[in-house]
Amino acid sequence: MFGWLKRRKDDGPEIPGMVNSGRRQRRPEPAEPDPAVRTTMHHAVLNDAWLFDITDGGFVDGSDGWNPLDPRECSGQLLRWFDAGLVELHQDADPSGAPLTDPAADLDYEAADLPLIPPDRARTLLADPGRWTDETADGFAVPVPTARGRELPLDRWP
């Protein structure tokens, strides 16, 4: 009814001499993680997926239902878990020299046995999903559950 009285946020006062109240606008609460992304990410971590495979959605063998994921959502979820001490990041070697379909390429190993990326470097990498490509070693980093992460059921992960 009095739509003409509503001000846009960027407008100054409509009445000459009037000052703004100076009240701060409320910031929206951060959105809860998408349950589907959370479940998918947990599956990726438990299955030793490379970072580049996580965003591509290609880490699930023989599945038709998985699609590429938003890299920012993946990054946010992994950072929550990393900061909570539930995952750590290990560095795998880039297997680009041998085709992944070559039976001579032995990819059957424990990701936890790979070299651990120091926490400050790991957090920086997790915060920058633009680096998660199969064209650099960064994309071949593997998020792995910590001992605490292996003990804690998924419904208790943030």
C-alpha atoms as a PDB file:
ATOM      1  CA  MET A   1       0.000   0.000   0.000  1.00  0.00           C
ATOM      2  CA  PHE A   2       2.698   2.499   0.905  1.00  0.00           C
ATOM      3  CA  GLY A   3       5.221   1.084  -1.529  1.00  0.00           C
ATOM      4  CA  TRP A   4       6.422   4.588  -2.326  1.00  0.00           C
ATOM      5  CA  LEU A   5       7.686   4.855   1.283  1.00  0.00           C
ATOM      6  CA  LYS A   6       9.983   1.849   0.996  1.00  0.00           C
ATOM      7  CA  ARG A   7      13.607   2.722   0.416  1.00  0.00           C
ATOM      8  CA  ARG A   8      16.112   0.635  -1.372  1.00  0.00           C
ATOM      9  CA  LYS A   9      19.165  -0.261   0.723  1.00  0.00           C
ATOM     10  CA  ASP A  10      21.471   1.868  -1.392  1.00  0.00           C
ATOM     11  CA  ASP A  11      19.296   4.986  -1.271  1.00  0.00           C
ATOM     12  CA  GLY A  12      19.976   7.748   1.185  1.00  0.00           C
ATOM     13  CA  PRO A  13      17.202   9.322   3.232  1.00  0.00           C
ATOM     14  CA  GLU A  14      14.233  10.512   1.197  1.00  0.00           C
ATOM     15  CA  ILE A  15      13.511  13.540   3.372  1.00  0.00           C
ATOM     16  CA  PRO A  16      16.129  16.321   3.230  1.00  0.00           C
ATOM     17  CA  GLY A  17      17.919  16.662   6.548  1.00  0.00           C
ATOM     18  CA  MET A  18      16.906  13.191   7.702  1.00  0.00           C
ATOM     19  CA  VAL A  19      19.701  10.793   8.613  1.00  0.00           C
ATOM     20  CA  ASN A  20      19.800   7.037   8.342  1.00  0.00           C
ATOM     21  CA  SER A  21      19.230   5.132  11.564  1.00  0.00           C
ATOM     22  CA  GLY A  22      22.623   3.470  11.271  1.00  0.00           C
ATOM     23  CA  ARG A  23      21.112   0.088  12.090  1.00  0.00           C
ATOM     24  CA  ARG A  24      23.042  -2.745  10.605  1.00  0.00           C
ATOM     25  CA  GLN A  25      21.254  -5.117   8.319  1.00  0.00           C
ATOM     26  CA  ARG A  26      21.015  -8.684   9.528  1.00  0.00           C
ATOM     27  CA  ARG A  27      23.171 -11.100   7.647  1.00  0.00           C
ATOM     28  CA  PRO A  28      21.503 -14.326   6.659  1.00  0.00           C
ATOM     29  CA  GLU A  29      22.618 -17.385   8.600  1.00  0.00           C
ATOM     30  CA  PRO A  30      24.954 -19.638   6.619  1.00  0.00           C
ATOM     31  CA  ALA A  31      23.012 -22.288   4.770  1.00  0.00           C
ATOM     32  CA  GLU A  32      23.062 -25.800   6.128  1.00  0.00           C
ATOM     33  CA  PRO A  33      25.055 -28.179   3.944  1.00  0.00           C
ATOM     34  CA  ASP A  34      22.990 -29.949   1.316  1.00  0.00           C
ATOM     35  CA  PRO A  35      22.357 -33.472   2.708  1.00  0.00           C
ATOM     36  CA  ALA A  36      22.904 -35.046  -0.720  1.00  0.00           C
ATOM     37  CA  VAL A  37      26.273 -33.321  -1.125  1.00  0.00           C
ATOM     38  CA  ARG A  38      27.213 -34.233   2.436  1.00  0.00           C
ATOM     39  CA  THR A  39      26.406 -37.916   1.869  1.00  0.00           C
ATOM     40  CA  THR A  40      28.155 -37.953  -1.505  1.00  0.00           C
ATOM     41  CA  MET A  41      31.231 -36.262  -0.053  1.00  0.00           C
ATOM     42  CA  HIS A  42      31.340 -38.752   2.814  1.00  0.00           C
ATOM     43  CA  HIS A  43      31.189 -41.577   0.287  1.00  0.00           C
ATOM     44  CA  ALA A  44      34.064 -39.967  -1.651  1.00  0.00           C
ATOM     45  CA  VAL A  45      36.212 -39.652   1.472  1.00  0.00           C
ATOM     46  CA  LEU A  46      35.592 -43.257   2.491  1.00  0.00           C
ATOM     47  CA  ASN A  47      36.485 -44.445  -1.015  1.00  0.00           C
ATOM     48  CA  ASP A  48      39.795 -42.568  -1.378  1.00  0.00           C
ATOM     49  CA  ALA A  49      38.641 -40.333  -4.241  1.00  0.00           C
ATOM     50  CA  TRP A  50      41.062 -37.875  -5.796  1.00  0.00           C
ATOM     51  CA  LEU A  51      39.976 -34.262  -5.450  1.00  0.00           C
ATOM     52  CA  PHE A  52      39.411 -33.858  -9.198  1.00  0.00           C
ATOM     53  CA  ASP A  53      37.184 -36.955  -9.222  1.00  0.00           C
ATOM     54  CA  ILE A  54      35.022 -35.595  -6.414  1.00  0.00           C
ATOM     55  CA  THR A  55      33.847 -32.539  -8.333  1.00  0.00           C
ATOM     56  CA  ASP A  56      33.479 -34.535 -11.556  1.00  0.00           C
ATOM     57  CA  GLY A  57      31.296 -37.075  -9.769  1.00  0.00           C
ATOM     58  CA  GLY A  58      33.403 -39.810 -11.351  1.00  0.00           C
ATOM     59  CA  PHE A  59      34.511 -41.566  -8.174  1.00  0.00           C
ATOM     60  CA  VAL A  60      31.608 -44.007  -7.977  1.00  0.00           C
ATOM     61  CA  ASP A  61      32.187 -47.104 -10.072  1.00  0.00           C
ATOM     62  CA  GLY A  62      29.250 -48.335 -12.114  1.00  0.00           C
ATOM     63  CA  SER A  63      26.840 -45.664 -10.938  1.00  0.00           C
ATOM     64  CA  ASP A  64      24.445 -43.796 -13.197  1.00  0.00           C
ATOM     65  CA  GLY A  65      23.040 -41.524 -10.506  1.00  0.00           C
ATOM     66  CA  TRP A  66      26.040 -39.366  -9.617  1.00  0.00           C
ATOM     67  CA  ASN A  67      26.502 -36.021 -11.275  1.00  0.00           C
ATOM     68  CA  PRO A  68      29.218 -33.390 -11.082  1.00  0.00           C
ATOM     69  CA  LEU A  69      29.104 -31.439  -7.828  1.00  0.00           C
ATOM     70  CA  ASP A  70      29.493 -27.719  -7.197  1.00  0.00           C
ATOM     71  CA  PRO A  71      33.203 -27.297  -6.365  1.00  0.00           C
ATOM     72  CA  ARG A  72      32.458 -24.563  -3.784  1.00  0.00           C
ATOM     73  CA  GLU A  73      30.030 -26.853  -1.931  1.00  0.00           C
ATOM     74  CA  CYS A  74      32.581 -29.673  -1.997  1.00  0.00           C
ATOM     75  CA  SER A  75      35.278 -27.340  -0.737  1.00  0.00           C
ATOM     76  CA  GLY A  76      33.062 -26.001   2.040  1.00  0.00           C
ATOM     77  CA  GLN A  77      32.110 -29.480   3.202  1.00  0.00           C
ATOM     78  CA  LEU A  78      35.689 -30.777   3.150  1.00  0.00           C
ATOM     79  CA  LEU A  79      36.889 -27.692   5.039  1.00  0.00           C
ATOM     80  CA  ARG A  80      34.251 -28.247   7.766  1.00  0.00           C
ATOM     81  CA  TRP A  81      35.450 -31.817   8.185  1.00  0.00           C
ATOM     82  CA  PHE A  82      39.127 -30.854   7.980  1.00  0.00           C
ATOM     83  CA  ASP A  83      38.683 -28.145  10.633  1.00  0.00           C
ATOM     84  CA  ALA A  84      36.810 -30.639  12.846  1.00  0.00           C
ATOM     85  CA  GLY A  85      39.739 -33.077  12.601  1.00  0.00           C
ATOM     86  CA  LEU A  86      37.748 -35.695  10.683  1.00  0.00           C
ATOM     87  CA  VAL A  87      39.756 -35.723   7.446  1.00  0.00           C
ATOM     88  CA  GLU A  88      43.338 -35.133   6.395  1.00  0.00           C
ATOM     89  CA  LEU A  89      44.840 -34.789   2.940  1.00  0.00           C
ATOM     90  CA  HIS A  90      47.359 -37.189   1.411  1.00  0.00           C
ATOM     91  CA  GLN A  91      49.280 -36.725  -1.846  1.00  0.00           C
ATOM     92  CA  ASP A  92      49.007 -39.371  -4.527  1.00  0.00           C
ATOM     93  CA  ALA A  93      51.308 -39.514  -7.534  1.00  0.00           C
ATOM     94  CA  ASP A  94      49.878 -38.448 -10.867  1.00  0.00           C
ATOM     95  CA  PRO A  95      49.339 -41.724 -12.753  1.00  0.00           C
ATOM     96  CA  SER A  96      49.253 -39.961 -16.134  1.00  0.00           C
ATOM     97  CA  GLY A  97      52.169 -42.034 -17.383  1.00  0.00           C
ATOM     98  CA  ALA A  98      50.063 -45.203 -17.360  1.00  0.00           C
ATOM     99  CA  PRO A  99      46.485 -45.421 -18.567  1.00  0.00           C
ATOM    100  CA  LEU A 100      44.076 -46.049 -15.728  1.00  0.00           C
ATOM    101  CA  THR A 101      42.641 -49.009 -17.627  1.00  0.00           C
ATOM    102  CA  ASP A 102      46.061 -50.663 -17.880  1.00  0.00           C
ATOM    103  CA  PRO A 103      46.112 -53.688 -15.532  1.00  0.00           C
ATOM    104  CA  ALA A 104      49.839 -53.085 -14.991  1.00  0.00           C
ATOM    105  CA  ALA A 105      49.048 -49.762 -13.284  1.00  0.00           C
ATOM    106  CA  ASP A 106      48.665 -50.797  -9.660  1.00  0.00           C
ATOM    107  CA  LEU A 107      46.178 -48.443  -8.039  1.00  0.00           C
ATOM    108  CA  ASP A 108      45.289 -50.877  -5.273  1.00  0.00           C
ATOM    109  CA  TYR A 109      46.833 -49.289  -2.173  1.00  0.00           C
ATOM    110  CA  GLU A 110      45.773 -47.564   1.011  1.00  0.00           C
ATOM    111  CA  ALA A 111      45.467 -43.796   0.579  1.00  0.00           C
ATOM    112  CA  ALA A 112      46.391 -43.390   4.258  1.00  0.00           C
ATOM    113  CA  ASP A 113      49.849 -44.768   3.384  1.00  0.00           C
ATOM    114  CA  LEU A 114      50.461 -41.927   0.908  1.00  0.00           C
ATOM    115  CA  PRO A 115      52.514 -38.908   2.041  1.00  0.00           C
ATOM    116  CA  LEU A 116      50.561 -36.586   4.337  1.00  0.00           C
ATOM    117  CA  ILE A 117      50.184 -33.005   3.118  1.00  0.00           C
ATOM    118  CA  PRO A 118      51.071 -30.582   5.956  1.00  0.00           C
ATOM    119  CA  PRO A 119      47.907 -29.091   7.524  1.00  0.00           C
ATOM    120  CA  ASP A 120      48.482 -25.481   6.399  1.00  0.00           C
ATOM    121  CA  ARG A 121      49.076 -26.535   2.782  1.00  0.00           C
ATOM    122  CA  ALA A 122      46.187 -29.009   2.921  1.00  0.00           C
ATOM    123  CA  ARG A 123      43.746 -26.357   4.155  1.00  0.00           C
ATOM    124  CA  THR A 124      44.878 -23.939   1.438  1.00  0.00           C
ATOM    125  CA  LEU A 125      44.332 -26.613  -1.210  1.00  0.00           C
ATOM    126  CA  LEU A 126      40.913 -27.596   0.134  1.00  0.00           C
ATOM    127  CA  ALA A 127      39.862 -23.930   0.067  1.00  0.00           C
ATOM    128  CA  ASP A 128      40.777 -23.569  -3.624  1.00  0.00           C
ATOM    129  CA  PRO A 129      38.762 -26.056  -5.720  1.00  0.00           C
ATOM    130  CA  GLY A 130      40.039 -24.390  -8.899  1.00  0.00           C
ATOM    131  CA  ARG A 131      43.277 -26.318  -8.306  1.00  0.00           C
ATOM    132  CA  TRP A 132      41.497 -29.683  -8.226  1.00  0.00           C
ATOM    133  CA  THR A 133      42.247 -30.788 -11.790  1.00  0.00           C
ATOM    134  CA  ASP A 134      43.823 -33.900 -13.235  1.00  0.00           C
ATOM    135  CA  GLU A 135      46.383 -31.677 -14.955  1.00  0.00           C
ATOM    136  CA  THR A 136      48.299 -30.934 -11.731  1.00  0.00           C
ATOM    137  CA  ALA A 137      49.443 -32.899  -8.710  1.00  0.00           C
ATOM    138  CA  ASP A 138      46.963 -30.904  -6.591  1.00  0.00           C
ATOM    139  CA  GLY A 139      44.057 -32.746  -8.187  1.00  0.00           C
ATOM    140  CA  PHE A 140      45.546 -36.060  -7.094  1.00  0.00           C
ATOM    141  CA  ALA A 141      45.373 -35.199  -3.401  1.00  0.00           C
ATOM    142  CA  VAL A 142      43.136 -37.611  -1.500  1.00  0.00           C
ATOM    143  CA  PRO A 143      41.004 -36.673   1.518  1.00  0.00           C
ATOM    144  CA  VAL A 144      41.216 -39.532   4.004  1.00  0.00           C
ATOM    145  CA  PRO A 145      39.312 -39.970   7.287  1.00  0.00           C
ATOM    146  CA  THR A 146      41.426 -39.507  10.393  1.00  0.00           C
ATOM    147  CA  ALA A 147      41.215 -42.003  13.266  1.00  0.00           C
ATOM    148  CA  ARG A 148      38.521 -39.773  14.792  1.00  0.00           C
ATOM    149  CA  GLY A 149      36.687 -39.648  11.445  1.00  0.00           C
ATOM    150  CA  ARG A 150      36.687 -43.444  11.167  1.00  0.00           C
ATOM    151  CA  GLU A 151      35.199 -43.781  14.673  1.00  0.00           C
ATOM    152  CA  LEU A 152      32.503 -41.110  14.362  1.00  0.00           C
ATOM    153  CA  PRO A 153      29.250 -42.061  12.581  1.00  0.00           C
ATOM    154  CA  LEU A 154      28.230 -39.838   9.645  1.00  0.00           C
ATOM    155  CA  ASP A 155      25.279 -38.334  11.488  1.00  0.00           C
ATOM    156  CA  ARG A 156      27.761 -36.755  13.933  1.00  0.00           C
ATOM    157  CA  TRP A 157      29.975 -35.226  11.212  1.00  0.00           C
ATOM    158  CA  PRO A 158      29.299 -31.469  10.750  1.00  0.00           C
END
